[in-house]
Amino acid sequence: MSFSGFLTFFISACLYFILGLYFSSDTGIPVSDIYYINNYLSANFHISIISLLPILTTLVLSIMKVSPFISMTLGIVMGVIVAVVFQGANITGIFDIMSNGYRVVDGPGIIKIMLD
């Protein structure tokens, strides 16, 4: 990492730490809502470590200084493979999501805000 990248990371980490000291967790979302969101996501998606493969592919290829076009393309291909194999998505649905974005059809308000 270059010096300027490290400096930016350090300043951001310090700011988040200072903000975290002033804003406590009791001002955020109630714990019952967090459990509700977690249960909803677990019921509708297969959440596992394998779901991180597209992100890791893109990140590793970027660190290796591979062309952005190649690293993004391979990340997208890995995302399609993970969606088909582990999430049970079909190809037409994946192309629709890539074209129009993901939309929650019948979810509660907070889930729609998060995922739309």
PDB file of N, CA and C in Angstrom:
ATOM      1  N   MET A   1       0.855  -1.164   0.000  1.00  0.00           N
ATOM      2  CA  MET A   1       0.000   0.000   0.000  1.00  0.00           C
ATOM      3  C   MET A   1       0.902   1.229   0.000  1.00  0.00           C
ATOM      4  N   SER A   2       0.557   2.167  -0.796  1.00  0.00           N
ATOM      5  CA  SER A   2       1.356   3.385  -0.868  1.00  0.00           C
ATOM      6  C   SER A   2       1.137   4.234   0.385  1.00  0.00           C
ATOM      7  N   PHE A   3       2.007   5.201   0.569  1.00  0.00           N
ATOM      8  CA  PHE A   3       1.915   6.069   1.742  1.00  0.00           C
ATOM      9  C   PHE A   3       0.599   6.834   1.767  1.00  0.00           C
ATOM     10  N   SER A   4       0.182   7.342   0.612  1.00  0.00           N
ATOM     11  CA  SER A   4      -1.066   8.117   0.576  1.00  0.00           C
ATOM     12  C   SER A   4      -2.268   7.233   0.899  1.00  0.00           C
ATOM     13  N   GLY A   5      -2.245   5.974   0.450  1.00  0.00           N
ATOM     14  CA  GLY A   5      -3.331   5.054   0.777  1.00  0.00           C
ATOM     15  C   GLY A   5      -3.357   4.725   2.256  1.00  0.00           C
ATOM     16  N   PHE A   6      -2.177   4.520   2.842  1.00  0.00           N
ATOM     17  CA  PHE A   6      -2.103   4.244   4.274  1.00  0.00           C
ATOM     18  C   PHE A   6      -2.564   5.444   5.084  1.00  0.00           C
ATOM     19  N   LEU A   7      -2.159   6.629   4.665  1.00  0.00           N
ATOM     20  CA  LEU A   7      -2.555   7.847   5.369  1.00  0.00           C
ATOM     21  C   LEU A   7      -4.073   8.027   5.339  1.00  0.00           C
ATOM     22  N   THR A   8      -4.671   7.793   4.190  1.00  0.00           N
ATOM     23  CA  THR A   8      -6.130   7.891   4.064  1.00  0.00           C
ATOM     24  C   THR A   8      -6.816   6.873   4.959  1.00  0.00           C
ATOM     25  N   PHE A   9      -6.316   5.638   4.961  1.00  0.00           N
ATOM     26  CA  PHE A   9      -6.880   4.596   5.819  1.00  0.00           C
ATOM     27  C   PHE A   9      -6.758   4.982   7.293  1.00  0.00           C
ATOM     28  N   PHE A  10      -5.614   5.487   7.692  1.00  0.00           N
ATOM     29  CA  PHE A  10      -5.374   5.861   9.086  1.00  0.00           C
ATOM     30  C   PHE A  10      -6.306   6.989   9.525  1.00  0.00           C
ATOM     31  N   ILE A  11      -6.452   8.010   8.695  1.00  0.00           N
ATOM     32  CA  ILE A  11      -7.340   9.131   9.029  1.00  0.00           C
ATOM     33  C   ILE A  11      -8.785   8.651   9.127  1.00  0.00           C
ATOM     34  N   SER A  12      -9.210   7.808   8.195  1.00  0.00           N
ATOM     35  CA  SER A  12     -10.583   7.287   8.233  1.00  0.00           C
ATOM     36  C   SER A  12     -10.813   6.441   9.476  1.00  0.00           C
ATOM     37  N   ALA A  13      -9.850   5.592   9.821  1.00  0.00           N
ATOM     38  CA  ALA A  13      -9.988   4.751  11.010  1.00  0.00           C
ATOM     39  C   ALA A  13     -10.084   5.603  12.269  1.00  0.00           C
ATOM     40  N   CYS A  14      -9.288   6.653  12.348  1.00  0.00           N
ATOM     41  CA  CYS A  14      -9.345   7.548  13.514  1.00  0.00           C
ATOM     42  C   CYS A  14     -10.693   8.256  13.601  1.00  0.00           C
ATOM     43  N   LEU A  15     -11.195   8.733  12.472  1.00  0.00           N
ATOM     44  CA  LEU A  15     -12.496   9.417  12.481  1.00  0.00           C
ATOM     45  C   LEU A  15     -13.622   8.478  12.900  1.00  0.00           C
ATOM     46  N   TYR A  16     -13.624   7.246  12.365  1.00  0.00           N
ATOM     47  CA  TYR A  16     -14.661   6.294  12.754  1.00  0.00           C
ATOM     48  C   TYR A  16     -14.547   5.928  14.230  1.00  0.00           C
ATOM     49  N   PHE A  17     -13.332   5.828  14.738  1.00  0.00           N
ATOM     50  CA  PHE A  17     -13.141   5.532  16.158  1.00  0.00           C
ATOM     51  C   PHE A  17     -13.697   6.656  17.021  1.00  0.00           C
ATOM     52  N   ILE A  18     -13.380   7.894  16.666  1.00  0.00           N
ATOM     53  CA  ILE A  18     -13.863   9.047  17.439  1.00  0.00           C
ATOM     54  C   ILE A  18     -15.382   9.143  17.360  1.00  0.00           C
ATOM     55  N   LEU A  19     -15.947   8.960  16.169  1.00  0.00           N
ATOM     56  CA  LEU A  19     -17.408   8.996  16.039  1.00  0.00           C
ATOM     57  C   LEU A  19     -18.052   7.861  16.823  1.00  0.00           C
ATOM     58  N   GLY A  20     -17.405   6.703  16.851  1.00  0.00           N
ATOM     59  CA  GLY A  20     -17.927   5.572  17.605  1.00  0.00           C
ATOM     60  C   GLY A  20     -17.960   5.822  19.099  1.00  0.00           C
ATOM     61  N   LEU A  21     -17.051   6.650  19.593  1.00  0.00           N
ATOM     62  CA  LEU A  21     -17.057   6.986  21.017  1.00  0.00           C
ATOM     63  C   LEU A  21     -18.236   7.877  21.386  1.00  0.00           C
ATOM     64  N   TYR A  22     -18.665   8.730  20.457  1.00  0.00           N
ATOM     65  CA  TYR A  22     -19.733   9.680  20.751  1.00  0.00           C
ATOM     66  C   TYR A  22     -21.128   9.137  20.461  1.00  0.00           C
ATOM     67  N   PHE A  23     -21.239   8.190  19.567  1.00  0.00           N
ATOM     68  CA  PHE A  23     -22.541   7.630  19.219  1.00  0.00           C
ATOM     69  C   PHE A  23     -22.596   6.201  19.720  1.00  0.00           C
ATOM     70  N   SER A  24     -23.420   5.969  20.732  1.00  0.00           N
ATOM     71  CA  SER A  24     -23.503   4.630  21.310  1.00  0.00           C
ATOM     72  C   SER A  24     -24.446   3.761  20.496  1.00  0.00           C
ATOM     73  N   SER A  25     -24.366   2.466  20.728  1.00  0.00           N
ATOM     74  CA  SER A  25     -25.166   1.528  19.943  1.00  0.00           C
ATOM     75  C   SER A  25     -26.637   1.544  20.334  1.00  0.00           C
ATOM     76  N   ASP A  26     -26.984   2.121  21.479  1.00  0.00           N
ATOM     77  CA  ASP A  26     -28.387   2.134  21.878  1.00  0.00           C
ATOM     78  C   ASP A  26     -29.214   3.158  21.105  1.00  0.00           C
ATOM     79  N   THR A  27     -28.583   3.981  20.291  1.00  0.00           N
ATOM     80  CA  THR A  27     -29.332   4.930  19.475  1.00  0.00           C
ATOM     81  C   THR A  27     -29.651   4.361  18.100  1.00  0.00           C
ATOM     82  N   GLY A  28     -29.196   3.167  17.809  1.00  0.00           N
ATOM     83  CA  GLY A  28     -29.390   2.562  16.500  1.00  0.00           C
ATOM     84  C   GLY A  28     -30.664   1.745  16.432  1.00  0.00           C
ATOM     85  N   ILE A  29     -30.610   0.698  15.654  1.00  0.00           N
ATOM     86  CA  ILE A  29     -31.754  -0.186  15.441  1.00  0.00           C
ATOM     87  C   ILE A  29     -31.963  -1.050  16.681  1.00  0.00           C
ATOM     88  N   PRO A  30     -33.201  -1.241  17.114  1.00  0.00           N
ATOM     89  CA  PRO A  30     -33.459  -2.137  18.248  1.00  0.00           C
ATOM     90  C   PRO A  30     -33.016  -3.570  17.936  1.00  0.00           C
ATOM     91  N   VAL A  31     -32.644  -4.296  18.973  1.00  0.00           N
ATOM     92  CA  VAL A  31     -32.141  -5.658  18.802  1.00  0.00           C
ATOM     93  C   VAL A  31     -33.197  -6.555  18.167  1.00  0.00           C
ATOM     94  N   SER A  32     -34.456  -6.341  18.481  1.00  0.00           N
ATOM     95  CA  SER A  32     -35.512  -7.168  17.892  1.00  0.00           C
ATOM     96  C   SER A  32     -35.558  -7.002  16.377  1.00  0.00           C
ATOM     97  N   ASP A  33     -35.313  -5.780  15.887  1.00  0.00           N
ATOM     98  CA  ASP A  33     -35.274  -5.559  14.438  1.00  0.00           C
ATOM     99  C   ASP A  33     -34.076  -6.247  13.806  1.00  0.00           C
ATOM    100  N   ILE A  34     -32.954  -6.266  14.505  1.00  0.00           N
ATOM    101  CA  ILE A  34     -31.764  -6.943  13.981  1.00  0.00           C
ATOM    102  C   ILE A  34     -32.032  -8.433  13.844  1.00  0.00           C
ATOM    103  N   TYR A  35     -32.664  -9.041  14.854  1.00  0.00           N
ATOM    104  CA  TYR A  35     -33.017 -10.459  14.761  1.00  0.00           C
ATOM    105  C   TYR A  35     -34.005 -10.705  13.626  1.00  0.00           C
ATOM    106  N   TYR A  36     -34.948  -9.795  13.462  1.00  0.00           N
ATOM    107  CA  TYR A  36     -35.934  -9.932  12.392  1.00  0.00           C
ATOM    108  C   TYR A  36     -35.264  -9.886  11.019  1.00  0.00           C
ATOM    109  N   ILE A  37     -34.360  -8.933  10.830  1.00  0.00           N
ATOM    110  CA  ILE A  37     -33.637  -8.813   9.561  1.00  0.00           C
ATOM    111  C   ILE A  37     -32.798 -10.056   9.313  1.00  0.00           C
ATOM    112  N   ASN A  38     -32.104 -10.522  10.343  1.00  0.00           N
ATOM    113  CA  ASN A  38     -31.270 -11.713  10.215  1.00  0.00           C
ATOM    114  C   ASN A  38     -32.101 -12.933   9.831  1.00  0.00           C
ATOM    115  N   ASN A  39     -33.243 -13.121  10.475  1.00  0.00           N
ATOM    116  CA  ASN A  39     -34.112 -14.256  10.152  1.00  0.00           C
ATOM    117  C   ASN A  39     -34.670 -14.151   8.741  1.00  0.00           C
ATOM    118  N   TYR A  40     -35.047 -12.948   8.326  1.00  0.00           N
ATOM    119  CA  TYR A  40     -35.581 -12.762   6.978  1.00  0.00           C
ATOM    120  C   TYR A  40     -34.532 -13.083   5.922  1.00  0.00           C
ATOM    121  N   LEU A  41     -33.319 -12.566   6.113  1.00  0.00           N
ATOM    122  CA  LEU A  41     -32.251 -12.828   5.143  1.00  0.00           C
ATOM    123  C   LEU A  41     -31.878 -14.304   5.117  1.00  0.00           C
ATOM    124  N   SER A  42     -31.834 -14.951   6.279  1.00  0.00           N
ATOM    125  CA  SER A  42     -31.512 -16.378   6.328  1.00  0.00           C
ATOM    126  C   SER A  42     -32.589 -17.222   5.662  1.00  0.00           C
ATOM    127  N   ALA A  43     -33.833 -16.796   5.750  1.00  0.00           N
ATOM    128  CA  ALA A  43     -34.922 -17.551   5.135  1.00  0.00           C
ATOM    129  C   ALA A  43     -34.947 -17.394   3.618  1.00  0.00           C
ATOM    130  N   ASN A  44     -34.464 -16.268   3.096  1.00  0.00           N
ATOM    131  CA  ASN A  44     -34.562 -16.005   1.662  1.00  0.00           C
ATOM    132  C   ASN A  44     -33.265 -16.167   0.893  1.00  0.00           C
ATOM    133  N   PHE A  45     -32.138 -16.245   1.583  1.00  0.00           N
ATOM    134  CA  PHE A  45     -30.844 -16.381   0.921  1.00  0.00           C
ATOM    135  C   PHE A  45     -30.024 -17.443   1.634  1.00  0.00           C
ATOM    136  N   HIS A  46     -29.184 -18.127   0.872  1.00  0.00           N
ATOM    137  CA  HIS A  46     -28.240 -19.076   1.454  1.00  0.00           C
ATOM    138  C   HIS A  46     -26.968 -18.293   1.766  1.00  0.00           C
ATOM    139  N   ILE A  47     -26.774 -17.973   3.032  1.00  0.00           N
ATOM    140  CA  ILE A  47     -25.643 -17.144   3.437  1.00  0.00           C
ATOM    141  C   ILE A  47     -24.524 -18.053   3.920  1.00  0.00           C
ATOM    142  N   SER A  48     -23.370 -17.955   3.258  1.00  0.00           N
ATOM    143  CA  SER A  48     -22.210 -18.754   3.653  1.00  0.00           C
ATOM    144  C   SER A  48     -20.939 -18.035   3.235  1.00  0.00           C
ATOM    145  N   ILE A  49     -19.825 -18.604   3.615  1.00  0.00           N
ATOM    146  CA  ILE A  49     -18.526 -18.025   3.276  1.00  0.00           C
ATOM    147  C   ILE A  49     -18.276 -18.104   1.773  1.00  0.00           C
ATOM    148  N   ILE A  50     -18.912 -19.039   1.104  1.00  0.00           N
ATOM    149  CA  ILE A  50     -18.735 -19.198  -0.343  1.00  0.00           C
ATOM    150  C   ILE A  50     -19.304 -17.991  -1.086  1.00  0.00           C
ATOM    151  N   SER A  51     -20.260 -17.326  -0.490  1.00  0.00           N
ATOM    152  CA  SER A  51     -20.840 -16.135  -1.117  1.00  0.00           C
ATOM    153  C   SER A  51     -19.835 -14.996  -1.252  1.00  0.00           C
ATOM    154  N   LEU A  52     -18.721 -15.085  -0.562  1.00  0.00           N
ATOM    155  CA  LEU A  52     -17.690 -14.049  -0.647  1.00  0.00           C
ATOM    156  C   LEU A  52     -16.714 -14.270  -1.797  1.00  0.00           C
ATOM    157  N   LEU A  53     -16.822 -15.394  -2.507  1.00  0.00           N
ATOM    158  CA  LEU A  53     -15.883 -15.689  -3.593  1.00  0.00           C
ATOM    159  C   LEU A  53     -15.814 -14.599  -4.666  1.00  0.00           C
ATOM    160  N   PRO A  54     -16.917 -14.041  -5.147  1.00  0.00           N
ATOM    161  CA  PRO A  54     -16.801 -12.976  -6.156  1.00  0.00           C
ATOM    162  C   PRO A  54     -16.036 -11.750  -5.648  1.00  0.00           C
ATOM    163  N   ILE A  55     -16.281 -11.368  -4.411  1.00  0.00           N
ATOM    164  CA  ILE A  55     -15.579 -10.216  -3.847  1.00  0.00           C
ATOM    165  C   ILE A  55     -14.094 -10.520  -3.700  1.00  0.00           C
ATOM    166  N   LEU A  56     -13.796 -11.717  -3.182  1.00  0.00           N
ATOM    167  CA  LEU A  56     -12.392 -12.092  -3.007  1.00  0.00           C
ATOM    168  C   LEU A  56     -11.669 -12.194  -4.341  1.00  0.00           C
ATOM    169  N   THR A  57     -12.350 -12.716  -5.364  1.00  0.00           N
ATOM    170  CA  THR A  57     -11.746 -12.807  -6.694  1.00  0.00           C
ATOM    171  C   THR A  57     -11.375 -11.424  -7.208  1.00  0.00           C
ATOM    172  N   THR A  58     -12.309 -10.502  -7.129  1.00  0.00           N
ATOM    173  CA  THR A  58     -12.047  -9.143  -7.601  1.00  0.00           C
ATOM    174  C   THR A  58     -10.944  -8.479  -6.782  1.00  0.00           C
ATOM    175  N   LEU A  59     -10.977  -8.663  -5.480  1.00  0.00           N
ATOM    176  CA  LEU A  59      -9.980  -8.044  -4.610  1.00  0.00           C
ATOM    177  C   LEU A  59      -8.580  -8.593  -4.874  1.00  0.00           C
ATOM    178  N   VAL A  60      -8.453  -9.917  -4.962  1.00  0.00           N
ATOM    179  CA  VAL A  60      -7.135 -10.527  -5.194  1.00  0.00           C
ATOM    180  C   VAL A  60      -6.587 -10.123  -6.556  1.00  0.00           C
ATOM    181  N   LEU A  61      -7.433 -10.147  -7.579  1.00  0.00           N
ATOM    182  CA  LEU A  61      -6.957  -9.753  -8.903  1.00  0.00           C
ATOM    183  C   LEU A  61      -6.571  -8.273  -8.948  1.00  0.00           C
ATOM    184  N   SER A  62      -7.275  -7.441  -8.204  1.00  0.00           N
ATOM    185  CA  SER A  62      -6.915  -6.021  -8.154  1.00  0.00           C
ATOM    186  C   SER A  62      -5.586  -5.818  -7.439  1.00  0.00           C
ATOM    187  N   ILE A  63      -5.364  -6.559  -6.357  1.00  0.00           N
ATOM    188  CA  ILE A  63      -4.091  -6.469  -5.641  1.00  0.00           C
ATOM    189  C   ILE A  63      -2.945  -6.954  -6.514  1.00  0.00           C
ATOM    190  N   MET A  64      -3.215  -7.965  -7.350  1.00  0.00           N
ATOM    191  CA  MET A  64      -2.190  -8.486  -8.256  1.00  0.00           C
ATOM    192  C   MET A  64      -1.991  -7.575  -9.467  1.00  0.00           C
ATOM    193  N   LYS A  65      -2.705  -6.448  -9.498  1.00  0.00           N
ATOM    194  CA  LYS A  65      -2.605  -5.443 -10.567  1.00  0.00           C
ATOM    195  C   LYS A  65      -2.999  -5.989 -11.936  1.00  0.00           C
ATOM    196  N   VAL A  66      -4.006  -6.870 -11.927  1.00  0.00           N
ATOM    197  CA  VAL A  66      -4.591  -7.355 -13.173  1.00  0.00           C
ATOM    198  C   VAL A  66      -5.484  -6.245 -13.712  1.00  0.00           C
ATOM    199  N   SER A  67      -5.676  -6.219 -15.003  1.00  0.00           N
ATOM    200  CA  SER A  67      -6.506  -5.205 -15.648  1.00  0.00           C
ATOM    201  C   SER A  67      -7.881  -5.128 -14.967  1.00  0.00           C
ATOM    202  N   PRO A  68      -8.385  -3.919 -14.724  1.00  0.00           N
ATOM    203  CA  PRO A  68      -9.700  -3.787 -14.098  1.00  0.00           C
ATOM    204  C   PRO A  68     -10.804  -4.484 -14.883  1.00  0.00           C
ATOM    205  N   PHE A  69     -10.721  -4.452 -16.198  1.00  0.00           N
ATOM    206  CA  PHE A  69     -11.736  -5.123 -17.011  1.00  0.00           C
ATOM    207  C   PHE A  69     -11.745  -6.622 -16.728  1.00  0.00           C
ATOM    208  N   ILE A  70     -10.572  -7.227 -16.675  1.00  0.00           N
ATOM    209  CA  ILE A  70     -10.478  -8.671 -16.430  1.00  0.00           C
ATOM    210  C   ILE A  70     -10.921  -9.000 -15.006  1.00  0.00           C
ATOM    211  N   SER A  71     -10.462  -8.224 -14.027  1.00  0.00           N
ATOM    212  CA  SER A  71     -10.824  -8.537 -12.644  1.00  0.00           C
ATOM    213  C   SER A  71     -12.322  -8.352 -12.399  1.00  0.00           C
ATOM    214  N   MET A  72     -12.923  -7.312 -12.966  1.00  0.00           N
ATOM    215  CA  MET A  72     -14.366  -7.125 -12.806  1.00  0.00           C
ATOM    216  C   MET A  72     -15.154  -8.200 -13.543  1.00  0.00           C
ATOM    217  N   THR A  73     -14.699  -8.560 -14.740  1.00  0.00           N
ATOM    218  CA  THR A  73     -15.385  -9.603 -15.506  1.00  0.00           C
ATOM    219  C   THR A  73     -15.341 -10.931 -14.768  1.00  0.00           C
ATOM    220  N   LEU A  74     -14.174 -11.301 -14.242  1.00  0.00           N
ATOM    221  CA  LEU A  74     -14.080 -12.556 -13.497  1.00  0.00           C
ATOM    222  C   LEU A  74     -14.889 -12.498 -12.203  1.00  0.00           C
ATOM    223  N   GLY A  75     -14.960 -11.331 -11.569  1.00  0.00           N
ATOM    224  CA  GLY A  75     -15.805 -11.182 -10.392  1.00  0.00           C
ATOM    225  C   GLY A  75     -17.279 -11.369 -10.719  1.00  0.00           C
ATOM    226  N   ILE A  76     -17.702 -10.839 -11.856  1.00  0.00           N
ATOM    227  CA  ILE A  76     -19.095 -11.011 -12.288  1.00  0.00           C
ATOM    228  C   ILE A  76     -19.381 -12.468 -12.615  1.00  0.00           C
ATOM    229  N   VAL A  77     -18.450 -13.119 -13.317  1.00  0.00           N
ATOM    230  CA  VAL A  77     -18.625 -14.542 -13.654  1.00  0.00           C
ATOM    231  C   VAL A  77     -18.709 -15.375 -12.376  1.00  0.00           C
ATOM    232  N   MET A  78     -17.839 -15.088 -11.410  1.00  0.00           N
ATOM    233  CA  MET A  78     -17.902 -15.811 -10.134  1.00  0.00           C
ATOM    234  C   MET A  78     -19.228 -15.537  -9.421  1.00  0.00           C
ATOM    235  N   GLY A  79     -19.717 -14.309  -9.499  1.00  0.00           N
ATOM    236  CA  GLY A  79     -21.001 -13.979  -8.897  1.00  0.00           C
ATOM    237  C   GLY A  79     -22.150 -14.742  -9.532  1.00  0.00           C
ATOM    238  N   VAL A  80     -22.113 -14.879 -10.852  1.00  0.00           N
ATOM    239  CA  VAL A  80     -23.150 -15.648 -11.550  1.00  0.00           C
ATOM    240  C   VAL A  80     -23.081 -17.110 -11.137  1.00  0.00           C
ATOM    241  N   ILE A  81     -21.874 -17.661 -11.060  1.00  0.00           N
ATOM    242  CA  ILE A  81     -21.719 -19.066 -10.659  1.00  0.00           C
ATOM    243  C   ILE A  81     -22.237 -19.282  -9.240  1.00  0.00           C
ATOM    244  N   VAL A  82     -21.879 -18.397  -8.324  1.00  0.00           N
ATOM    245  CA  VAL A  82     -22.354 -18.523  -6.943  1.00  0.00           C
ATOM    246  C   VAL A  82     -23.872 -18.389  -6.887  1.00  0.00           C
ATOM    247  N   ALA A  83     -24.434 -17.465  -7.657  1.00  0.00           N
ATOM    248  CA  ALA A  83     -25.889 -17.276  -7.653  1.00  0.00           C
ATOM    249  C   ALA A  83     -26.613 -18.508  -8.177  1.00  0.00           C
ATOM    250  N   VAL A  84     -26.083 -19.116  -9.239  1.00  0.00           N
ATOM    251  CA  VAL A  84     -26.744 -20.288  -9.818  1.00  0.00           C
ATOM    252  C   VAL A  84     -26.581 -21.505  -8.922  1.00  0.00           C
ATOM    253  N   VAL A  85     -25.363 -21.756  -8.471  1.00  0.00           N
ATOM    254  CA  VAL A  85     -25.085 -22.991  -7.740  1.00  0.00           C
ATOM    255  C   VAL A  85     -25.590 -22.931  -6.298  1.00  0.00           C
ATOM    256  N   PHE A  86     -25.341 -21.840  -5.601  1.00  0.00           N
ATOM    257  CA  PHE A  86     -25.629 -21.800  -4.170  1.00  0.00           C
ATOM    258  C   PHE A  86     -26.916 -21.067  -3.809  1.00  0.00           C
ATOM    259  N   GLN A  87     -27.344 -20.107  -4.621  1.00  0.00           N
ATOM    260  CA  GLN A  87     -28.566 -19.373  -4.307  1.00  0.00           C
ATOM    261  C   GLN A  87     -29.783 -19.919  -5.050  1.00  0.00           C
ATOM    262  N   GLY A  88     -29.556 -20.779  -6.034  1.00  0.00           N
ATOM    263  CA  GLY A  88     -30.664 -21.357  -6.782  1.00  0.00           C
ATOM    264  C   GLY A  88     -31.287 -20.412  -7.788  1.00  0.00           C
ATOM    265  N   ALA A  89     -30.561 -19.416  -8.229  1.00  0.00           N
ATOM    266  CA  ALA A  89     -31.092 -18.461  -9.207  1.00  0.00           C
ATOM    267  C   ALA A  89     -31.032 -19.060 -10.608  1.00  0.00           C
ATOM    268  N   ASN A  90     -31.898 -18.577 -11.494  1.00  0.00           N
ATOM    269  CA  ASN A  90     -31.828 -19.014 -12.888  1.00  0.00           C
ATOM    270  C   ASN A  90     -31.141 -17.934 -13.721  1.00  0.00           C
ATOM    271  N   ILE A  91     -30.681 -18.323 -14.893  1.00  0.00           N
ATOM    272  CA  ILE A  91     -29.883 -17.424 -15.730  1.00  0.00           C
ATOM    273  C   ILE A  91     -30.684 -16.190 -16.150  1.00  0.00           C
ATOM    274  N   THR A  92     -31.945 -16.367 -16.536  1.00  0.00           N
ATOM    275  CA  THR A  92     -32.734 -15.208 -16.960  1.00  0.00           C
ATOM    276  C   THR A  92     -32.939 -14.228 -15.811  1.00  0.00           C
ATOM    277  N   GLY A  93     -33.135 -14.751 -14.604  1.00  0.00           N
ATOM    278  CA  GLY A  93     -33.274 -13.884 -13.438  1.00  0.00           C
ATOM    279  C   GLY A  93     -31.998 -13.120 -13.137  1.00  0.00           C
ATOM    280  N   ILE A  94     -30.859 -13.779 -13.343  1.00  0.00           N
ATOM    281  CA  ILE A  94     -29.569 -13.121 -13.105  1.00  0.00           C
ATOM    282  C   ILE A  94     -29.357 -11.988 -14.099  1.00  0.00           C
ATOM    283  N   PHE A  95     -29.669 -12.235 -15.383  1.00  0.00           N
ATOM    284  CA  PHE A  95     -29.510 -11.170 -16.373  1.00  0.00           C
ATOM    285  C   PHE A  95     -30.476 -10.017 -16.109  1.00  0.00           C
ATOM    286  N   ASP A  96     -31.668 -10.325 -15.609  1.00  0.00           N
ATOM    287  CA  ASP A  96     -32.613  -9.272 -15.246  1.00  0.00           C
ATOM    288  C   ASP A  96     -32.065  -8.432 -14.088  1.00  0.00           C
ATOM    289  N   ILE A  97     -31.480  -9.091 -13.094  1.00  0.00           N
ATOM    290  CA  ILE A  97     -30.900  -8.369 -11.959  1.00  0.00           C
ATOM    291  C   ILE A  97     -29.712  -7.530 -12.405  1.00  0.00           C
ATOM    292  N   MET A  98     -28.874  -8.073 -13.306  1.00  0.00           N
ATOM    293  CA  MET A  98     -27.727  -7.301 -13.789  1.00  0.00           C
ATOM    294  C   MET A  98     -28.175  -6.098 -14.609  1.00  0.00           C
ATOM    295  N   SER A  99     -29.312  -6.211 -15.298  1.00  0.00           N
ATOM    296  CA  SER A  99     -29.799  -5.104 -16.127  1.00  0.00           C
ATOM    297  C   SER A  99     -30.570  -4.064 -15.319  1.00  0.00           C
ATOM    298  N   ASN A 100     -31.454  -4.534 -14.447  1.00  0.00           N
ATOM    299  CA  ASN A 100     -32.388  -3.634 -13.773  1.00  0.00           C
ATOM    300  C   ASN A 100     -32.138  -3.455 -12.285  1.00  0.00           C
ATOM    301  N   GLY A 101     -31.265  -4.252 -11.696  1.00  0.00           N
ATOM    302  CA  GLY A 101     -31.019  -4.190 -10.263  1.00  0.00           C
ATOM    303  C   GLY A 101     -31.934  -5.132  -9.509  1.00  0.00           C
ATOM    304  N   TYR A 102     -31.581  -5.418  -8.274  1.00  0.00           N
ATOM    305  CA  TYR A 102     -32.357  -6.334  -7.437  1.00  0.00           C
ATOM    306  C   TYR A 102     -33.490  -5.583  -6.768  1.00  0.00           C
ATOM    307  N   ARG A 103     -34.664  -6.180  -6.754  1.00  0.00           N
ATOM    308  CA  ARG A 103     -35.829  -5.592  -6.107  1.00  0.00           C
ATOM    309  C   ARG A 103     -36.475  -6.623  -5.195  1.00  0.00           C
ATOM    310  N   VAL A 104     -36.821  -6.197  -3.988  1.00  0.00           N
ATOM    311  CA  VAL A 104     -37.559  -7.044  -3.062  1.00  0.00           C
ATOM    312  C   VAL A 104     -39.033  -6.906  -3.397  1.00  0.00           C
ATOM    313  N   VAL A 105     -39.691  -8.026  -3.665  1.00  0.00           N
ATOM    314  CA  VAL A 105     -41.089  -7.985  -4.086  1.00  0.00           C
ATOM    315  C   VAL A 105     -42.026  -7.914  -2.890  1.00  0.00           C
ATOM    316  N   ASP A 106     -41.836  -8.787  -1.921  1.00  0.00           N
ATOM    317  CA  ASP A 106     -42.805  -8.880  -0.831  1.00  0.00           C
ATOM    318  C   ASP A 106     -42.129  -8.861   0.538  1.00  0.00           C
ATOM    319  N   GLY A 107     -41.267  -7.912   0.741  1.00  0.00           N
ATOM    320  CA  GLY A 107     -40.585  -7.820   2.024  1.00  0.00           C
ATOM    321  C   GLY A 107     -41.100  -6.660   2.844  1.00  0.00           C
ATOM    322  N   PRO A 108     -40.800  -6.669   4.132  1.00  0.00           N
ATOM    323  CA  PRO A 108     -41.196  -5.542   4.979  1.00  0.00           C
ATOM    324  C   PRO A 108     -40.403  -4.287   4.636  1.00  0.00           C
ATOM    325  N   GLY A 109     -40.821  -3.167   5.179  1.00  0.00           N
ATOM    326  CA  GLY A 109     -40.246  -1.875   4.824  1.00  0.00           C
ATOM    327  C   GLY A 109     -38.752  -1.762   5.027  1.00  0.00           C
ATOM    328  N   ILE A 110     -38.250  -2.220   6.173  1.00  0.00           N
ATOM    329  CA  ILE A 110     -36.823  -2.061   6.444  1.00  0.00           C
ATOM    330  C   ILE A 110     -35.980  -2.936   5.520  1.00  0.00           C
ATOM    331  N   ILE A 111     -36.500  -4.089   5.138  1.00  0.00           N
ATOM    332  CA  ILE A 111     -35.784  -4.970   4.209  1.00  0.00           C
ATOM    333  C   ILE A 111     -35.760  -4.338   2.822  1.00  0.00           C
ATOM    334  N   LYS A 112     -36.863  -3.755   2.406  1.00  0.00           N
ATOM    335  CA  LYS A 112     -36.905  -3.085   1.098  1.00  0.00           C
ATOM    336  C   LYS A 112     -35.919  -1.925   1.043  1.00  0.00           C
ATOM    337  N   ILE A 113     -35.813  -1.182   2.124  1.00  0.00           N
ATOM    338  CA  ILE A 113     -34.864  -0.064   2.159  1.00  0.00           C
ATOM    339  C   ILE A 113     -33.438  -0.578   2.047  1.00  0.00           C
ATOM    340  N   MET A 114     -33.127  -1.664   2.733  1.00  0.00           N
ATOM    341  CA  MET A 114     -31.768  -2.204   2.715  1.00  0.00           C
ATOM    342  C   MET A 114     -31.394  -2.801   1.370  1.00  0.00           C
ATOM    343  N   LEU A 115     -32.293  -3.558   0.759  1.00  0.00           N
ATOM    344  CA  LEU A 115     -31.945  -4.341  -0.423  1.00  0.00           C
ATOM    345  C   LEU A 115     -32.295  -3.676  -1.740  1.00  0.00           C
ATOM    346  N   ASP A 116     -33.144  -2.678  -1.747  1.00  0.00           N
ATOM    347  CA  ASP A 116     -33.509  -2.034  -3.017  1.00  0.00           C
ATOM    348  C   ASP A 116     -32.531  -0.988  -3.407  1.00  0.00           C
TER     349      ASP A 116
END
